[in-house]
Amino acid sequence: MRATRLAAVAVVGACLVGSAAAQPVPWQDLSPRERERAIQNYQRYRDLPRDQRQQLDQRSRQFEQLPSQERQRLRQTYEQYQRLPPGQRQQLEQRYQQRQQKKRGR
């Protein structure tokens, strides 16, 4: 159960990285590495099909509406997910996708 929740949060968190849902930071305050990541995130977002961009925008708006404690909890869970070894992350993602497919099949 915890692994599934972690995977779900990780997927949502991945959508939120670099989005407006994060605390805004002035561009000049970003390190060169952070600027590069921001540019890459924007480029990936821009290259997504329109419907996927709309889904991300909707998730971002939903995230912004959460109480600050819940947003912080989600960020911490996503950071925990990011620290996992790649193999473990992949397993979690696969389990999450399988659960989503089962839900759709009902």
C-alpha atoms as a PDB file:
ATOM      1  CA  MET A   1       0.000   0.000   0.000  1.00  0.00           C
ATOM      2  CA  ARG A   2       2.728   2.469   0.983  1.00  0.00           C
ATOM      3  CA  ALA A   3       4.739   1.565  -2.129  1.00  0.00           C
ATOM      4  CA  THR A   4       1.720   2.165  -4.349  1.00  0.00           C
ATOM      5  CA  ARG A   5       1.015   5.510  -2.689  1.00  0.00           C
ATOM      6  CA  LEU A   6       4.669   6.447  -3.061  1.00  0.00           C
ATOM      7  CA  ALA A   7       4.583   5.550  -6.741  1.00  0.00           C
ATOM      8  CA  ALA A   8       1.416   7.552  -7.298  1.00  0.00           C
ATOM      9  CA  VAL A   9       2.872  10.569  -5.565  1.00  0.00           C
ATOM     10  CA  ALA A  10       6.076  10.172  -7.544  1.00  0.00           C
ATOM     11  CA  VAL A  11       4.193  10.253 -10.816  1.00  0.00           C
ATOM     12  CA  VAL A  12       2.303  13.365  -9.756  1.00  0.00           C
ATOM     13  CA  GLY A  13       5.496  14.861  -8.351  1.00  0.00           C
ATOM     14  CA  ALA A  14       7.264  14.332 -11.613  1.00  0.00           C
ATOM     15  CA  CYS A  15       4.525  16.335 -13.251  1.00  0.00           C
ATOM     16  CA  LEU A  16       4.964  19.138 -10.788  1.00  0.00           C
ATOM     17  CA  VAL A  17       8.721  19.536 -10.953  1.00  0.00           C
ATOM     18  CA  GLY A  18       9.446  22.823 -12.598  1.00  0.00           C
ATOM     19  CA  SER A  19       5.795  23.812 -12.700  1.00  0.00           C
ATOM     20  CA  ALA A  20       4.088  26.818 -11.237  1.00  0.00           C
ATOM     21  CA  ALA A  21       3.068  24.628  -8.285  1.00  0.00           C
ATOM     22  CA  ALA A  22       6.548  24.925  -6.812  1.00  0.00           C
ATOM     23  CA  GLN A  23       7.448  28.015  -4.814  1.00  0.00           C
ATOM     24  CA  PRO A  24       8.315  30.705  -7.367  1.00  0.00           C
ATOM     25  CA  VAL A  25      11.983  31.638  -7.360  1.00  0.00           C
ATOM     26  CA  PRO A  26      13.308  34.583  -9.360  1.00  0.00           C
ATOM     27  CA  TRP A  27      15.360  33.411 -12.345  1.00  0.00           C
ATOM     28  CA  GLN A  28      18.444  35.333 -11.176  1.00  0.00           C
ATOM     29  CA  ASP A  29      18.353  33.424  -7.854  1.00  0.00           C
ATOM     30  CA  LEU A  30      18.651  30.048  -9.580  1.00  0.00           C
ATOM     31  CA  SER A  31      22.002  28.337  -9.903  1.00  0.00           C
ATOM     32  CA  PRO A  32      23.225  27.536 -13.441  1.00  0.00           C
ATOM     33  CA  ARG A  33      22.249  23.877 -12.866  1.00  0.00           C
ATOM     34  CA  GLU A  34      18.745  24.861 -11.718  1.00  0.00           C
ATOM     35  CA  ARG A  35      18.344  27.124 -14.738  1.00  0.00           C
ATOM     36  CA  GLU A  36      19.350  24.304 -17.059  1.00  0.00           C
ATOM     37  CA  ARG A  37      16.842  21.945 -15.403  1.00  0.00           C
ATOM     38  CA  ALA A  38      14.117  24.585 -15.656  1.00  0.00           C
ATOM     39  CA  ILE A  39      14.806  25.018 -19.366  1.00  0.00           C
ATOM     40  CA  GLN A  40      14.782  21.246 -19.904  1.00  0.00           C
ATOM     41  CA  ASN A  41      11.505  20.901 -17.991  1.00  0.00           C
ATOM     42  CA  TYR A  42       9.932  23.649 -20.060  1.00  0.00           C
ATOM     43  CA  GLN A  43      11.141  22.072 -23.298  1.00  0.00           C
ATOM     44  CA  ARG A  44       9.717  18.673 -22.276  1.00  0.00           C
ATOM     45  CA  TYR A  45       6.429  20.325 -21.335  1.00  0.00           C
ATOM     46  CA  ARG A  46       6.270  22.271 -24.596  1.00  0.00           C
ATOM     47  CA  ASP A  47       6.893  19.077 -26.600  1.00  0.00           C
ATOM     48  CA  LEU A  48       4.028  17.173 -24.969  1.00  0.00           C
ATOM     49  CA  PRO A  49       0.770  16.694 -26.846  1.00  0.00           C
ATOM     50  CA  ARG A  50      -1.840  19.319 -25.997  1.00  0.00           C
ATOM     51  CA  ASP A  51      -4.012  16.940 -23.950  1.00  0.00           C
ATOM     52  CA  GLN A  52      -1.063  15.929 -21.769  1.00  0.00           C
ATOM     53  CA  ARG A  53      -0.131  19.570 -21.193  1.00  0.00           C
ATOM     54  CA  GLN A  54      -3.723  20.252 -20.149  1.00  0.00           C
ATOM     55  CA  GLN A  55      -3.633  17.298 -17.724  1.00  0.00           C
ATOM     56  CA  LEU A  56      -0.410  18.607 -16.189  1.00  0.00           C
ATOM     57  CA  ASP A  57      -1.883  22.085 -15.902  1.00  0.00           C
ATOM     58  CA  GLN A  58      -4.950  20.653 -14.171  1.00  0.00           C
ATOM     59  CA  ARG A  59      -2.806  18.641 -11.736  1.00  0.00           C
ATOM     60  CA  SER A  60      -0.764  21.733 -11.005  1.00  0.00           C
ATOM     61  CA  ARG A  61      -3.912  23.736 -10.221  1.00  0.00           C
ATOM     62  CA  GLN A  62      -5.179  20.909  -7.994  1.00  0.00           C
ATOM     63  CA  PHE A  63      -1.843  20.809  -6.182  1.00  0.00           C
ATOM     64  CA  GLU A  64      -1.965  24.568  -5.590  1.00  0.00           C
ATOM     65  CA  GLN A  65      -5.400  24.177  -3.975  1.00  0.00           C
ATOM     66  CA  LEU A  66      -4.138  21.679  -1.391  1.00  0.00           C
ATOM     67  CA  PRO A  67      -3.416  22.852   2.141  1.00  0.00           C
ATOM     68  CA  SER A  68       0.250  23.772   2.562  1.00  0.00           C
ATOM     69  CA  GLN A  69       0.871  20.813   4.900  1.00  0.00           C
ATOM     70  CA  GLU A  70      -0.410  18.396   2.266  1.00  0.00           C
ATOM     71  CA  ARG A  71       1.713  20.026  -0.450  1.00  0.00           C
ATOM     72  CA  GLN A  72       4.761  19.717   1.816  1.00  0.00           C
ATOM     73  CA  ARG A  73       3.968  16.057   2.535  1.00  0.00           C
ATOM     74  CA  LEU A  74       3.699  15.341  -1.186  1.00  0.00           C
ATOM     75  CA  ARG A  75       6.993  17.114  -1.882  1.00  0.00           C
ATOM     76  CA  GLN A  76       8.727  15.110   0.854  1.00  0.00           C
ATOM     77  CA  THR A  77       7.313  11.856  -0.480  1.00  0.00           C
ATOM     78  CA  TYR A  78       8.489  12.765  -3.975  1.00  0.00           C
ATOM     79  CA  GLU A  79      11.966  13.606  -2.665  1.00  0.00           C
ATOM     80  CA  GLN A  80      11.998  10.218  -0.945  1.00  0.00           C
ATOM     81  CA  TYR A  81      11.048   8.603  -4.245  1.00  0.00           C
ATOM     82  CA  GLN A  82      13.844  10.466  -6.061  1.00  0.00           C
ATOM     83  CA  ARG A  83      16.417   9.078  -3.618  1.00  0.00           C
ATOM     84  CA  LEU A  84      15.449   5.484  -4.404  1.00  0.00           C
ATOM     85  CA  PRO A  85      17.756   3.469  -6.639  1.00  0.00           C
ATOM     86  CA  PRO A  86      16.597   3.484 -10.282  1.00  0.00           C
ATOM     87  CA  GLY A  87      15.568  -0.181 -10.146  1.00  0.00           C
ATOM     88  CA  GLN A  88      13.291   0.399  -7.185  1.00  0.00           C
ATOM     89  CA  ARG A  89      11.732   3.441  -8.826  1.00  0.00           C
ATOM     90  CA  GLN A  90      11.070   1.426 -11.959  1.00  0.00           C
ATOM     91  CA  GLN A  91       9.400  -1.333  -9.931  1.00  0.00           C
ATOM     92  CA  LEU A  92       7.170   1.196  -8.177  1.00  0.00           C
ATOM     93  CA  GLU A  93       6.226   2.817 -11.465  1.00  0.00           C
ATOM     94  CA  GLN A  94       5.375  -0.549 -12.997  1.00  0.00           C
ATOM     95  CA  ARG A  95       3.186  -1.498 -10.029  1.00  0.00           C
ATOM     96  CA  TYR A  96       1.457   1.862 -10.198  1.00  0.00           C
ATOM     97  CA  GLN A  97       0.790   1.468 -13.931  1.00  0.00           C
ATOM     98  CA  GLN A  98      -0.555  -2.064 -13.382  1.00  0.00           C
ATOM     99  CA  ARG A  99      -2.933  -0.821 -10.685  1.00  0.00           C
ATOM    100  CA  GLN A 100      -4.114   1.980 -12.957  1.00  0.00           C
ATOM    101  CA  GLN A 101      -4.756  -0.494 -15.768  1.00  0.00           C
ATOM    102  CA  LYS A 102      -6.741  -2.743 -13.421  1.00  0.00           C
ATOM    103  CA  LYS A 103      -8.831   0.225 -12.306  1.00  0.00           C
ATOM    104  CA  ARG A 104      -9.606   1.122 -15.913  1.00  0.00           C
ATOM    105  CA  GLY A 105     -10.529  -2.496 -16.662  1.00  0.00           C
ATOM    106  CA  ARG A 106     -13.229  -2.597 -13.979  1.00  0.00           C
END
